[in-house]
PDB file of N, CA and C in Angstrom:
ATOM      1  N   MET A   1      86.169 186.203  24.516  1.00  0.00           N
ATOM      2  CA  MET A   1      85.200 185.658  25.435  1.00  0.00           C
ATOM      3  C   MET A   1      85.034 186.612  26.607  1.00  0.00           C
ATOM      4  N   GLY A   2      83.816 187.009  26.841  1.00  0.00           N
ATOM      5  CA  GLY A   2      83.542 187.916  27.944  1.00  0.00           C
ATOM      6  C   GLY A   2      83.258 187.163  29.228  1.00  0.00           C
ATOM      7  N   LEU A   3      83.534 187.817  30.317  1.00  0.00           N
ATOM      8  CA  LEU A   3      83.233 187.241  31.616  1.00  0.00           C
ATOM      9  C   LEU A   3      81.858 187.756  32.037  1.00  0.00           C
ATOM     10  N   ASN A   4      80.853 187.022  31.615  1.00  0.00           N
ATOM     11  CA  ASN A   4      79.472 187.479  31.776  1.00  0.00           C
ATOM     12  C   ASN A   4      78.845 187.074  33.107  1.00  0.00           C
ATOM     13  N   TYR A   5      79.554 186.319  33.903  1.00  0.00           N
ATOM     14  CA  TYR A   5      79.000 185.831  35.164  1.00  0.00           C
ATOM     15  C   TYR A   5      79.902 186.251  36.310  1.00  0.00           C
ATOM     16  N   THR A   6      79.357 186.191  37.503  1.00  0.00           N
ATOM     17  CA  THR A   6      80.164 186.421  38.693  1.00  0.00           C
ATOM     18  C   THR A   6      79.920 185.289  39.675  1.00  0.00           C
ATOM     19  N   CYS A   7      80.935 184.985  40.434  1.00  0.00           N
ATOM     20  CA  CYS A   7      80.833 183.955  41.460  1.00  0.00           C
ATOM     21  C   CYS A   7      79.890 184.462  42.551  1.00  0.00           C
ATOM     22  N   PRO A   8      78.870 183.676  42.889  1.00  0.00           N
ATOM     23  CA  PRO A   8      77.958 184.129  43.940  1.00  0.00           C
ATOM     24  C   PRO A   8      78.612 184.155  45.325  1.00  0.00           C
ATOM     25  N   GLY A   9      79.740 183.479  45.473  1.00  0.00           N
ATOM     26  CA  GLY A   9      80.410 183.449  46.768  1.00  0.00           C
ATOM     27  C   GLY A   9      81.295 184.647  47.041  1.00  0.00           C
ATOM     28  N   CYS A  10      82.048 185.069  46.010  1.00  0.00           N
ATOM     29  CA  CYS A  10      83.025 186.144  46.243  1.00  0.00           C
ATOM     30  C   CYS A  10      82.942 187.289  45.232  1.00  0.00           C
ATOM     31  N   GLY A  11      82.145 187.106  44.178  1.00  0.00           N
ATOM     32  CA  GLY A  11      81.996 188.168  43.197  1.00  0.00           C
ATOM     33  C   GLY A  11      83.046 188.181  42.097  1.00  0.00           C
ATOM     34  N   THR A  12      83.906 187.183  42.030  1.00  0.00           N
ATOM     35  CA  THR A  12      84.926 187.110  40.989  1.00  0.00           C
ATOM     36  C   THR A  12      84.269 186.974  39.622  1.00  0.00           C
ATOM     37  N   PRO A  13      84.700 187.754  38.637  1.00  0.00           N
ATOM     38  CA  PRO A  13      84.144 187.598  37.288  1.00  0.00           C
ATOM     39  C   PRO A  13      84.487 186.218  36.717  1.00  0.00           C
ATOM     40  N   LEU A  14      83.506 185.594  36.085  1.00  0.00           N
ATOM     41  CA  LEU A  14      83.686 184.246  35.540  1.00  0.00           C
ATOM     42  C   LEU A  14      83.140 184.161  34.124  1.00  0.00           C
ATOM     43  N   GLY A  15      83.639 183.195  33.388  1.00  0.00           N
ATOM     44  CA  GLY A  15      83.126 182.916  32.049  1.00  0.00           C
ATOM     45  C   GLY A  15      82.048 181.845  32.061  1.00  0.00           C
ATOM     46  N   TYR A  16      81.635 181.416  33.239  1.00  0.00           N
ATOM     47  CA  TYR A  16      80.620 180.376  33.389  1.00  0.00           C
ATOM     48  C   TYR A  16      79.774 180.689  34.613  1.00  0.00           C
ATOM     49  N   GLU A  17      78.632 180.074  34.687  1.00  0.00           N
ATOM     50  CA  GLU A  17      77.738 180.277  35.814  1.00  0.00           C
ATOM     51  C   GLU A  17      78.094 179.291  36.921  1.00  0.00           C
ATOM     52  N   GLY A  18      78.195 179.761  38.144  1.00  0.00           N
ATOM     53  CA  GLY A  18      78.505 178.898  39.280  1.00  0.00           C
ATOM     54  C   GLY A  18      79.590 179.502  40.140  1.00  0.00           C
ATOM     55  N   LEU A  19      80.136 178.668  41.007  1.00  0.00           N
ATOM     56  CA  LEU A  19      81.186 179.103  41.918  1.00  0.00           C
ATOM     57  C   LEU A  19      82.546 179.106  41.229  1.00  0.00           C
ATOM     58  N   CYS A  20      83.416 180.017  41.639  1.00  0.00           N
ATOM     59  CA  CYS A  20      84.799 179.992  41.167  1.00  0.00           C
ATOM     60  C   CYS A  20      85.493 178.798  41.826  1.00  0.00           C
ATOM     61  N   TRP A  21      86.676 178.442  41.344  1.00  0.00           N
ATOM     62  CA  TRP A  21      87.364 177.272  41.881  1.00  0.00           C
ATOM     63  C   TRP A  21      87.677 177.431  43.357  1.00  0.00           C
ATOM     64  N   ASN A  22      88.005 178.641  43.785  1.00  0.00           N
ATOM     65  CA  ASN A  22      88.354 178.879  45.179  1.00  0.00           C
ATOM     66  C   ASN A  22      87.142 178.670  46.085  1.00  0.00           C
ATOM     67  N   CYS A  23      86.016 179.225  45.710  1.00  0.00           N
ATOM     68  CA  CYS A  23      84.801 179.063  46.518  1.00  0.00           C
ATOM     69  C   CYS A  23      84.320 177.617  46.491  1.00  0.00           C
ATOM     70  N   LYS A  24      84.469 176.946  45.349  1.00  0.00           N
ATOM     71  CA  LYS A  24      84.080 175.538  45.248  1.00  0.00           C
ATOM     72  C   LYS A  24      84.940 174.686  46.172  1.00  0.00           C
ATOM     73  N   CYS A  25      86.241 174.946  46.213  1.00  0.00           N
ATOM     74  CA  CYS A  25      87.137 174.215  47.115  1.00  0.00           C
ATOM     75  C   CYS A  25      86.770 174.463  48.577  1.00  0.00           C
ATOM     76  N   LYS A  26      86.481 175.713  48.910  1.00  0.00           N
ATOM     77  CA  LYS A  26      86.072 176.037  50.278  1.00  0.00           C
ATOM     78  C   LYS A  26      84.781 175.315  50.648  1.00  0.00           C
ATOM     79  N   GLN A  27      83.848 175.273  49.723  1.00  0.00           N
ATOM     80  CA  GLN A  27      82.578 174.586  49.954  1.00  0.00           C
ATOM     81  C   GLN A  27      82.796 173.085  50.161  1.00  0.00           C
ATOM     82  N   ASP A  28      83.611 172.478  49.305  1.00  0.00           N
ATOM     83  CA  ASP A  28      83.904 171.046  49.433  1.00  0.00           C
ATOM     84  C   ASP A  28      84.618 170.738  50.755  1.00  0.00           C
ATOM     85  N   ARG A  29      85.565 171.592  51.141  1.00  0.00           N
ATOM     86  CA  ARG A  29      86.289 171.412  52.394  1.00  0.00           C
ATOM     87  C   ARG A  29      85.340 171.525  53.584  1.00  0.00           C
ATOM     88  N   ALA A  30      84.481 172.518  53.562  1.00  0.00           N
ATOM     89  CA  ALA A  30      83.524 172.696  54.663  1.00  0.00           C
ATOM     90  C   ALA A  30      82.580 171.500  54.768  1.00  0.00           C
ATOM     91  N   THR A  31      82.166 170.978  53.628  1.00  0.00           N
ATOM     92  CA  THR A  31      81.289 169.803  53.621  1.00  0.00           C
ATOM     93  C   THR A  31      81.997 168.609  54.247  1.00  0.00           C
ATOM     94  N   ALA A  32      83.244 168.358  53.836  1.00  0.00           N
ATOM     95  CA  ALA A  32      84.004 167.222  54.364  1.00  0.00           C
ATOM     96  C   ALA A  32      84.294 167.391  55.854  1.00  0.00           C
ATOM     97  N   LEU A  33      84.579 168.595  56.284  1.00  0.00           N
ATOM     98  CA  LEU A  33      84.864 168.830  57.694  1.00  0.00           C
ATOM     99  C   LEU A  33      83.620 168.718  58.560  1.00  0.00           C
ATOM    100  N   ALA A  34      82.456 168.809  57.949  1.00  0.00           N
ATOM    101  CA  ALA A  34      81.196 168.696  58.688  1.00  0.00           C
ATOM    102  C   ALA A  34      80.686 167.253  58.776  1.00  0.00           C
ATOM    103  N   TRP A  35      81.381 166.307  58.125  1.00  0.00           N
ATOM    104  CA  TRP A  35      80.954 164.916  58.190  1.00  0.00           C
ATOM    105  C   TRP A  35      80.926 164.435  59.630  1.00  0.00           C
ATOM    106  N   THR A  36      79.912 163.671  59.955  1.00  0.00           N
ATOM    107  CA  THR A  36      79.825 163.045  61.274  1.00  0.00           C
ATOM    108  C   THR A  36      80.712 161.800  61.284  1.00  0.00           C
ATOM    109  N   PRO A  37      81.036 161.275  62.454  1.00  0.00           N
ATOM    110  CA  PRO A  37      81.803 160.027  62.503  1.00  0.00           C
ATOM    111  C   PRO A  37      81.112 158.885  61.746  1.00  0.00           C
ATOM    112  N   GLU A  38      79.796 158.867  61.761  1.00  0.00           N
ATOM    113  CA  GLU A  38      79.056 157.836  61.027  1.00  0.00           C
ATOM    114  C   GLU A  38      79.226 158.003  59.520  1.00  0.00           C
ATOM    115  N   GLN A  39      79.206 159.234  59.048  1.00  0.00           N
ATOM    116  CA  GLN A  39      79.400 159.497  57.621  1.00  0.00           C
ATOM    117  C   GLN A  39      80.814 159.121  57.190  1.00  0.00           C
ATOM    118  N   ILE A  40      81.781 159.410  58.032  1.00  0.00           N
ATOM    119  CA  ILE A  40      83.173 159.048  57.724  1.00  0.00           C
ATOM    120  C   ILE A  40      83.291 157.537  57.625  1.00  0.00           C
ATOM    121  N   ALA A  41      82.716 156.831  58.597  1.00  0.00           N
ATOM    122  CA  ALA A  41      82.770 155.367  58.581  1.00  0.00           C
ATOM    123  C   ALA A  41      82.085 154.808  57.343  1.00  0.00           C
ATOM    124  N   GLU A  42      80.966 155.393  56.943  1.00  0.00           N
ATOM    125  CA  GLU A  42      80.257 154.928  55.739  1.00  0.00           C
ATOM    126  C   GLU A  42      81.106 155.165  54.484  1.00  0.00           C
ATOM    127  N   LYS A  43      81.754 156.305  54.386  1.00  0.00           N
ATOM    128  CA  LYS A  43      82.616 156.584  53.234  1.00  0.00           C
ATOM    129  C   LYS A  43      83.813 155.629  53.219  1.00  0.00           C
ATOM    130  N   GLN A  44      84.353 155.310  54.388  1.00  0.00           N
ATOM    131  CA  GLN A  44      85.453 154.350  54.460  1.00  0.00           C
ATOM    132  C   GLN A  44      84.988 152.963  54.007  1.00  0.00           C
ATOM    133  N   ARG A  45      83.809 152.520  54.474  1.00  0.00           N
ATOM    134  CA  ARG A  45      83.268 151.218  54.048  1.00  0.00           C
ATOM    135  C   ARG A  45      83.035 151.187  52.543  1.00  0.00           C
ATOM    136  N   ASN A  46      82.472 152.257  52.010  1.00  0.00           N
ATOM    137  CA  ASN A  46      82.216 152.333  50.574  1.00  0.00           C
ATOM    138  C   ASN A  46      83.521 152.278  49.783  1.00  0.00           C
ATOM    139  N   LEU A  47      84.544 152.950  50.274  1.00  0.00           N
ATOM    140  CA  LEU A  47      85.842 152.938  49.608  1.00  0.00           C
ATOM    141  C   LEU A  47      86.441 151.531  49.610  1.00  0.00           C
ATOM    142  N   ILE A  48      86.324 150.836  50.723  1.00  0.00           N
ATOM    143  CA  ILE A  48      86.834 149.460  50.803  1.00  0.00           C
ATOM    144  C   ILE A  48      86.094 148.571  49.809  1.00  0.00           C
ATOM    145  N   GLN A  49      84.773 148.692  49.743  1.00  0.00           N
ATOM    146  CA  GLN A  49      83.970 147.850  48.854  1.00  0.00           C
ATOM    147  C   GLN A  49      84.232 148.150  47.383  1.00  0.00           C
ATOM    148  N   ASN A  50      84.580 149.377  47.078  1.00  0.00           N
ATOM    149  CA  ASN A  50      84.749 149.797  45.687  1.00  0.00           C
ATOM    150  C   ASN A  50      86.166 150.282  45.414  1.00  0.00           C
ATOM    151  N   ILE A  51      87.143 149.646  46.028  1.00  0.00           N
ATOM    152  CA  ILE A  51      88.526 150.124  45.957  1.00  0.00           C
ATOM    153  C   ILE A  51      89.053 150.174  44.531  1.00  0.00           C
ATOM    154  N   ARG A  52      88.586 149.305  43.665  1.00  0.00           N
ATOM    155  CA  ARG A  52      89.066 149.305  42.272  1.00  0.00           C
ATOM    156  C   ARG A  52      88.622 150.559  41.513  1.00  0.00           C
ATOM    157  N   ARG A  53      87.611 151.236  41.982  1.00  0.00           N
ATOM    158  CA  ARG A  53      87.142 152.454  41.321  1.00  0.00           C
ATOM    159  C   ARG A  53      88.006 153.666  41.661  1.00  0.00           C
ATOM    160  N   LEU A  54      88.987 153.466  42.512  1.00  0.00           N
ATOM    161  CA  LEU A  54      89.848 154.570  42.934  1.00  0.00           C
ATOM    162  C   LEU A  54      90.619 155.181  41.768  1.00  0.00           C
ATOM    163  N   GLY A  55      90.873 154.399  40.746  1.00  0.00           N
ATOM    164  CA  GLY A  55      91.600 154.908  39.585  1.00  0.00           C
ATOM    165  C   GLY A  55      90.750 155.739  38.635  1.00  0.00           C
ATOM    166  N   ASP A  56      89.437 155.755  38.838  1.00  0.00           N
ATOM    167  CA  ASP A  56      88.528 156.512  37.983  1.00  0.00           C
ATOM    168  C   ASP A  56      88.308 157.889  38.597  1.00  0.00           C
ATOM    169  N   MET A  57      88.877 158.895  37.979  1.00  0.00           N
ATOM    170  CA  MET A  57      88.801 160.249  38.537  1.00  0.00           C
ATOM    171  C   MET A  57      87.379 160.799  38.604  1.00  0.00           C
ATOM    172  N   LYS A  58      86.460 160.193  37.884  1.00  0.00           N
ATOM    173  CA  LYS A  58      85.073 160.664  37.906  1.00  0.00           C
ATOM    174  C   LYS A  58      84.220 159.927  38.929  1.00  0.00           C
ATOM    175  N   ALA A  59      84.776 158.888  39.534  1.00  0.00           N
ATOM    176  CA  ALA A  59      84.030 158.087  40.509  1.00  0.00           C
ATOM    177  C   ALA A  59      83.957 158.826  41.845  1.00  0.00           C
ATOM    178  N   PRO A  60      82.848 158.672  42.560  1.00  0.00           N
ATOM    179  CA  PRO A  60      82.756 159.328  43.876  1.00  0.00           C
ATOM    180  C   PRO A  60      83.798 158.809  44.865  1.00  0.00           C
ATOM    181  N   GLU A  61      84.255 157.570  44.677  1.00  0.00           N
ATOM    182  CA  GLU A  61      85.282 157.028  45.561  1.00  0.00           C
ATOM    183  C   GLU A  61      86.585 157.807  45.448  1.00  0.00           C
ATOM    184  N   PHE A  62      86.890 158.281  44.262  1.00  0.00           N
ATOM    185  CA  PHE A  62      88.101 159.076  44.052  1.00  0.00           C
ATOM    186  C   PHE A  62      88.036 160.355  44.892  1.00  0.00           C
ATOM    187  N   THR A  63      86.914 161.052  44.831  1.00  0.00           N
ATOM    188  CA  THR A  63      86.732 162.284  45.607  1.00  0.00           C
ATOM    189  C   THR A  63      86.732 161.986  47.099  1.00  0.00           C
ATOM    190  N   ASP A  64      86.014 160.927  47.484  1.00  0.00           N
ATOM    191  CA  ASP A  64      85.970 160.556  48.899  1.00  0.00           C
ATOM    192  C   ASP A  64      87.361 160.245  49.428  1.00  0.00           C
ATOM    193  N   PHE A  65      88.168 159.543  48.625  1.00  0.00           N
ATOM    194  CA  PHE A  65      89.528 159.210  49.056  1.00  0.00           C
ATOM    195  C   PHE A  65      90.307 160.472  49.393  1.00  0.00           C
ATOM    196  N   TRP A  66      90.311 161.439  48.479  1.00  0.00           N
ATOM    197  CA  TRP A  66      91.099 162.643  48.707  1.00  0.00           C
ATOM    198  C   TRP A  66      90.556 163.468  49.858  1.00  0.00           C
ATOM    199  N   GLN A  67      89.237 163.481  50.036  1.00  0.00           N
ATOM    200  CA  GLN A  67      88.672 164.208  51.168  1.00  0.00           C
ATOM    201  C   GLN A  67      88.985 163.493  52.483  1.00  0.00           C
ATOM    202  N   LEU A  68      88.901 162.170  52.484  1.00  0.00           N
ATOM    203  CA  LEU A  68      89.260 161.423  53.690  1.00  0.00           C
ATOM    204  C   LEU A  68      90.726 161.632  54.050  1.00  0.00           C
ATOM    205  N   LEU A  69      91.589 161.622  53.059  1.00  0.00           N
ATOM    206  CA  LEU A  69      93.023 161.789  53.307  1.00  0.00           C
ATOM    207  C   LEU A  69      93.357 163.231  53.689  1.00  0.00           C
ATOM    208  N   GLY A  70      92.914 164.165  52.877  1.00  0.00           N
ATOM    209  CA  GLY A  70      93.331 165.549  53.046  1.00  0.00           C
ATOM    210  C   GLY A  70      92.677 166.294  54.190  1.00  0.00           C
ATOM    211  N   TYR A  71      91.400 166.046  54.429  1.00  0.00           N
ATOM    212  CA  TYR A  71      90.698 166.822  55.443  1.00  0.00           C
ATOM    213  C   TYR A  71      90.503 166.057  56.743  1.00  0.00           C
ATOM    214  N   ARG A  72      90.523 164.745  56.666  1.00  0.00           N
ATOM    215  CA  ARG A  72      90.207 163.943  57.840  1.00  0.00           C
ATOM    216  C   ARG A  72      91.335 163.028  58.288  1.00  0.00           C
ATOM    217  N   ASP A  73      92.379 162.858  57.479  1.00  0.00           N
ATOM    218  CA  ASP A  73      93.461 161.916  57.765  1.00  0.00           C
ATOM    219  C   ASP A  73      92.864 160.578  58.206  1.00  0.00           C
ATOM    220  N   ALA A  74      91.907 160.099  57.408  1.00  0.00           N
ATOM    221  CA  ALA A  74      91.096 158.940  57.795  1.00  0.00           C
ATOM    222  C   ALA A  74      91.263 157.768  56.837  1.00  0.00           C
ATOM    223  N   ILE A  75      92.457 157.596  56.285  1.00  0.00           N
ATOM    224  CA  ILE A  75      92.726 156.408  55.477  1.00  0.00           C
ATOM    225  C   ILE A  75      93.204 155.337  56.459  1.00  0.00           C
ATOM    226  N   THR A  76      92.389 154.319  56.643  1.00  0.00           N
ATOM    227  CA  THR A  76      92.644 153.301  57.657  1.00  0.00           C
ATOM    228  C   THR A  76      93.484 152.156  57.104  1.00  0.00           C
ATOM    229  N   PRO A  77      94.093 151.372  57.990  1.00  0.00           N
ATOM    230  CA  PRO A  77      94.806 150.180  57.534  1.00  0.00           C
ATOM    231  C   PRO A  77      93.892 149.214  56.769  1.00  0.00           C
ATOM    232  N   GLU A  78      92.607 149.175  57.104  1.00  0.00           N
ATOM    233  CA  GLU A  78      91.678 148.304  56.378  1.00  0.00           C
ATOM    234  C   GLU A  78      91.549 148.739  54.920  1.00  0.00           C
ATOM    235  N   ILE A  79      91.513 150.033  54.689  1.00  0.00           N
ATOM    236  CA  ILE A  79      91.452 150.552  53.317  1.00  0.00           C
ATOM    237  C   ILE A  79      92.748 150.179  52.595  1.00  0.00           C
ATOM    238  N   GLN A  80      93.870 150.364  53.273  1.00  0.00           N
ATOM    239  CA  GLN A  80      95.168 150.047  52.678  1.00  0.00           C
ATOM    240  C   GLN A  80      95.280 148.557  52.370  1.00  0.00           C
ATOM    241  N   ARG A  81      94.796 147.717  53.268  1.00  0.00           N
ATOM    242  CA  ARG A  81      94.846 146.268  53.037  1.00  0.00           C
ATOM    243  C   ARG A  81      93.963 145.869  51.858  1.00  0.00           C
ATOM    244  N   SER A  82      92.786 146.478  51.743  1.00  0.00           N
ATOM    245  CA  SER A  82      91.908 146.135  50.614  1.00  0.00           C
ATOM    246  C   SER A  82      92.513 146.611  49.299  1.00  0.00           C
ATOM    247  N   ALA A  83      93.193 147.753  49.301  1.00  0.00           N
ATOM    248  CA  ALA A  83      93.857 148.233  48.086  1.00  0.00           C
ATOM    249  C   ALA A  83      94.972 147.281  47.671  1.00  0.00           C
ATOM    250  N   LEU A  84      95.748 146.826  48.630  1.00  0.00           N
ATOM    251  CA  LEU A  84      96.831 145.893  48.334  1.00  0.00           C
ATOM    252  C   LEU A  84      96.274 144.576  47.807  1.00  0.00           C
ATOM    253  N   ALA A  85      95.233 144.059  48.444  1.00  0.00           N
ATOM    254  CA  ALA A  85      94.627 142.797  48.009  1.00  0.00           C
ATOM    255  C   ALA A  85      94.061 142.901  46.593  1.00  0.00           C
ATOM    256  N   ALA A  86      93.552 144.084  46.237  1.00  0.00           N
ATOM    257  CA  ALA A  86      92.989 144.297  44.906  1.00  0.00           C
ATOM    258  C   ALA A  86      94.046 144.753  43.904  1.00  0.00           C
ATOM    259  N   GLU A  87      95.293 144.846  44.351  1.00  0.00           N
ATOM    260  CA  GLU A  87      96.402 145.311  43.521  1.00  0.00           C
ATOM    261  C   GLU A  87      96.151 146.708  42.958  1.00  0.00           C
ATOM    262  N   VAL A  88      95.651 147.568  43.818  1.00  0.00           N
ATOM    263  CA  VAL A  88      95.450 148.977  43.480  1.00  0.00           C
ATOM    264  C   VAL A  88      96.660 149.723  44.027  1.00  0.00           C
ATOM    265  N   PHE A  89      97.476 150.242  43.127  1.00  0.00           N
ATOM    266  CA  PHE A  89      98.715 150.906  43.544  1.00  0.00           C
ATOM    267  C   PHE A  89      98.694 152.414  43.302  1.00  0.00           C
ATOM    268  N   TRP A  90      97.609 152.908  42.738  1.00  0.00           N
ATOM    269  CA  TRP A  90      97.493 154.339  42.475  1.00  0.00           C
ATOM    270  C   TRP A  90      96.181 154.832  43.041  1.00  0.00           C
ATOM    271  N   PRO A  91      96.131 155.944  43.662  1.00  0.00           N
ATOM    272  CA  PRO A  91      97.245 156.852  43.946  1.00  0.00           C
ATOM    273  C   PRO A  91      98.133 156.293  45.056  1.00  0.00           C
ATOM    274  N   CYS A  92      99.396 156.570  44.943  1.00  0.00           N
ATOM    275  CA  CYS A  92     100.358 156.003  45.895  1.00  0.00           C
ATOM    276  C   CYS A  92     100.112 156.506  47.314  1.00  0.00           C
ATOM    277  N   GLU A  93      99.442 157.631  47.442  1.00  0.00           N
ATOM    278  CA  GLU A  93      99.166 158.197  48.765  1.00  0.00           C
ATOM    279  C   GLU A  93      98.311 157.270  49.622  1.00  0.00           C
ATOM    280  N   ILE A  94      97.656 156.324  48.997  1.00  0.00           N
ATOM    281  CA  ILE A  94      96.833 155.388  49.764  1.00  0.00           C
ATOM    282  C   ILE A  94      97.678 154.601  50.755  1.00  0.00           C
ATOM    283  N   TYR A  95      98.969 154.465  50.478  1.00  0.00           N
ATOM    284  CA  TYR A  95      99.848 153.687  51.347  1.00  0.00           C
ATOM    285  C   TYR A  95     100.626 154.544  52.352  1.00  0.00           C
ATOM    286  N   TYR A  96     100.282 155.796  52.460  1.00  0.00           N
ATOM    287  CA  TYR A  96     100.951 156.695  53.408  1.00  0.00           C
ATOM    288  C   TYR A  96     100.730 156.193  54.834  1.00  0.00           C
ATOM    289  N   HIS A  97     101.784 156.021  55.572  1.00  0.00           N
ATOM    290  CA  HIS A  97     101.765 155.526  56.953  1.00  0.00           C
ATOM    291  C   HIS A  97     101.109 154.148  57.065  1.00  0.00           C
ATOM    292  N   ALA A  98     101.322 153.308  56.058  1.00  0.00           N
ATOM    293  CA  ALA A  98     100.754 151.958  56.083  1.00  0.00           C
ATOM    294  C   ALA A  98     101.421 151.132  57.182  1.00  0.00           C
ATOM    295  N   PRO A  99     100.658 150.209  57.784  1.00  0.00           N
ATOM    296  CA  PRO A  99     101.267 149.334  58.792  1.00  0.00           C
ATOM    297  C   PRO A  99     102.279 148.382  58.152  1.00  0.00           C
ATOM    298  N   ALA A 100     103.080 147.738  58.974  1.00  0.00           N
ATOM    299  CA  ALA A 100     104.175 146.899  58.490  1.00  0.00           C
ATOM    300  C   ALA A 100     103.705 145.785  57.563  1.00  0.00           C
ATOM    301  N   ASP A 101     102.572 145.160  57.867  1.00  0.00           N
ATOM    302  CA  ASP A 101     102.115 144.066  57.001  1.00  0.00           C
ATOM    303  C   ASP A 101     101.753 144.563  55.603  1.00  0.00           C
ATOM    304  N   VAL A 102     101.165 145.749  55.514  1.00  0.00           N
ATOM    305  CA  VAL A 102     100.833 146.326  54.211  1.00  0.00           C
ATOM    306  C   VAL A 102     102.109 146.741  53.493  1.00  0.00           C
ATOM    307  N   ARG A 103     103.025 147.364  54.212  1.00  0.00           N
ATOM    308  CA  ARG A 103     104.308 147.758  53.620  1.00  0.00           C
ATOM    309  C   ARG A 103     105.035 146.549  53.040  1.00  0.00           C
ATOM    310  N   ASP A 104     105.120 145.482  53.827  1.00  0.00           N
ATOM    311  CA  ASP A 104     105.809 144.284  53.363  1.00  0.00           C
ATOM    312  C   ASP A 104     105.093 143.649  52.174  1.00  0.00           C
ATOM    313  N   GLY A 105     103.764 143.624  52.210  1.00  0.00           N
ATOM    314  CA  GLY A 105     102.990 143.084  51.089  1.00  0.00           C
ATOM    315  C   GLY A 105     103.176 143.910  49.830  1.00  0.00           C
ATOM    316  N   LEU A 106     103.257 145.220  50.002  1.00  0.00           N
ATOM    317  CA  LEU A 106     103.473 146.108  48.865  1.00  0.00           C
ATOM    318  C   LEU A 106     104.859 145.879  48.263  1.00  0.00           C
ATOM    319  N   ILE A 107     105.850 145.752  49.092  1.00  0.00           N
ATOM    320  CA  ILE A 107     107.208 145.471  48.598  1.00  0.00           C
ATOM    321  C   ILE A 107     107.221 144.157  47.836  1.00  0.00           C
ATOM    322  N   HIS A 108     106.603 143.139  48.394  1.00  0.00           N
ATOM    323  CA  HIS A 108     106.558 141.828  47.743  1.00  0.00           C
ATOM    324  C   HIS A 108     105.851 141.920  46.394  1.00  0.00           C
ATOM    325  N   ALA A 109     104.699 142.596  46.352  1.00  0.00           N
ATOM    326  CA  ALA A 109     103.938 142.718  45.097  1.00  0.00           C
ATOM    327  C   ALA A 109     104.738 143.473  44.041  1.00  0.00           C
ATOM    328  N   LEU A 110     105.385 144.535  44.442  1.00  0.00           N
ATOM    329  CA  LEU A 110     106.144 145.327  43.477  1.00  0.00           C
ATOM    330  C   LEU A 110     107.405 144.591  43.018  1.00  0.00           C
ATOM    331  N   MET A 111     108.043 143.860  43.916  1.00  0.00           N
ATOM    332  CA  MET A 111     109.213 143.074  43.517  1.00  0.00           C
ATOM    333  C   MET A 111     108.804 141.967  42.550  1.00  0.00           C
ATOM    334  N   TRP A 112     107.654 141.343  42.800  1.00  0.00           N
ATOM    335  CA  TRP A 112     107.158 140.293  41.907  1.00  0.00           C
ATOM    336  C   TRP A 112     106.864 140.881  40.528  1.00  0.00           C
ATOM    337  N   MET A 113     106.223 142.054  40.500  1.00  0.00           N
ATOM    338  CA  MET A 113     105.919 142.697  39.221  1.00  0.00           C
ATOM    339  C   MET A 113     107.215 143.049  38.484  1.00  0.00           C
ATOM    340  N   TRP A 114     108.207 143.547  39.207  1.00  0.00           N
ATOM    341  CA  TRP A 114     109.480 143.908  38.587  1.00  0.00           C
ATOM    342  C   TRP A 114     110.179 142.675  38.039  1.00  0.00           C
ATOM    343  N   THR A 115     110.190 141.588  38.816  1.00  0.00           N
ATOM    344  CA  THR A 115     110.825 140.355  38.378  1.00  0.00           C
ATOM    345  C   THR A 115     110.093 139.787  37.162  1.00  0.00           C
ATOM    346  N   ALA A 116     108.778 139.819  37.179  1.00  0.00           N
ATOM    347  CA  ALA A 116     107.993 139.293  36.065  1.00  0.00           C
ATOM    348  C   ALA A 116     108.243 140.107  34.791  1.00  0.00           C
ATOM    349  N   SER A 117     108.490 141.384  34.938  1.00  0.00           N
ATOM    350  CA  SER A 117     108.728 142.215  33.745  1.00  0.00           C
ATOM    351  C   SER A 117     110.099 141.948  33.130  1.00  0.00           C
ATOM    352  N   LYS A 118     111.036 141.418  33.920  1.00  0.00           N
ATOM    353  CA  LYS A 118     112.390 141.137  33.450  1.00  0.00           C
ATOM    354  C   LYS A 118     112.500 139.756  32.812  1.00  0.00           C
ATOM    355  N   THR A 119     111.508 138.891  33.069  1.00  0.00           N
ATOM    356  CA  THR A 119     111.535 137.525  32.525  1.00  0.00           C
ATOM    357  C   THR A 119     111.064 137.541  31.083  1.00  0.00           C
ATOM    358  N   PRO A 120     111.865 136.932  30.135  1.00  0.00           N
ATOM    359  CA  PRO A 120     111.451 136.953  28.717  1.00  0.00           C
ATOM    360  C   PRO A 120     110.238 136.104  28.437  1.00  0.00           C
TER     361      PRO A 120
END
């Protein structure tokens, strides 16, 4: 297989047309860092409303979650509470720095699941 294409961002030889992974990551990071406070709030609201879609790697909520967490540190207690209420436990990073009520609810939910799995 020949590398018939080059990345328009950096000139790296590629086997496909488009940006290389490095330039694509830089582009995505720059886009997320350019979000306005209103855009961040809208993405947070959308994530809360569609929290069950977080497990679908192809869903926009999945991408928004990682961009909110990684570039904006904008996973709010409201998002964490909605994930707990919907019994969404993955990705576990959603509970990073969760408030005490979410932490306690998560412990209770996981203990209940563990106990239920041990009952014949």
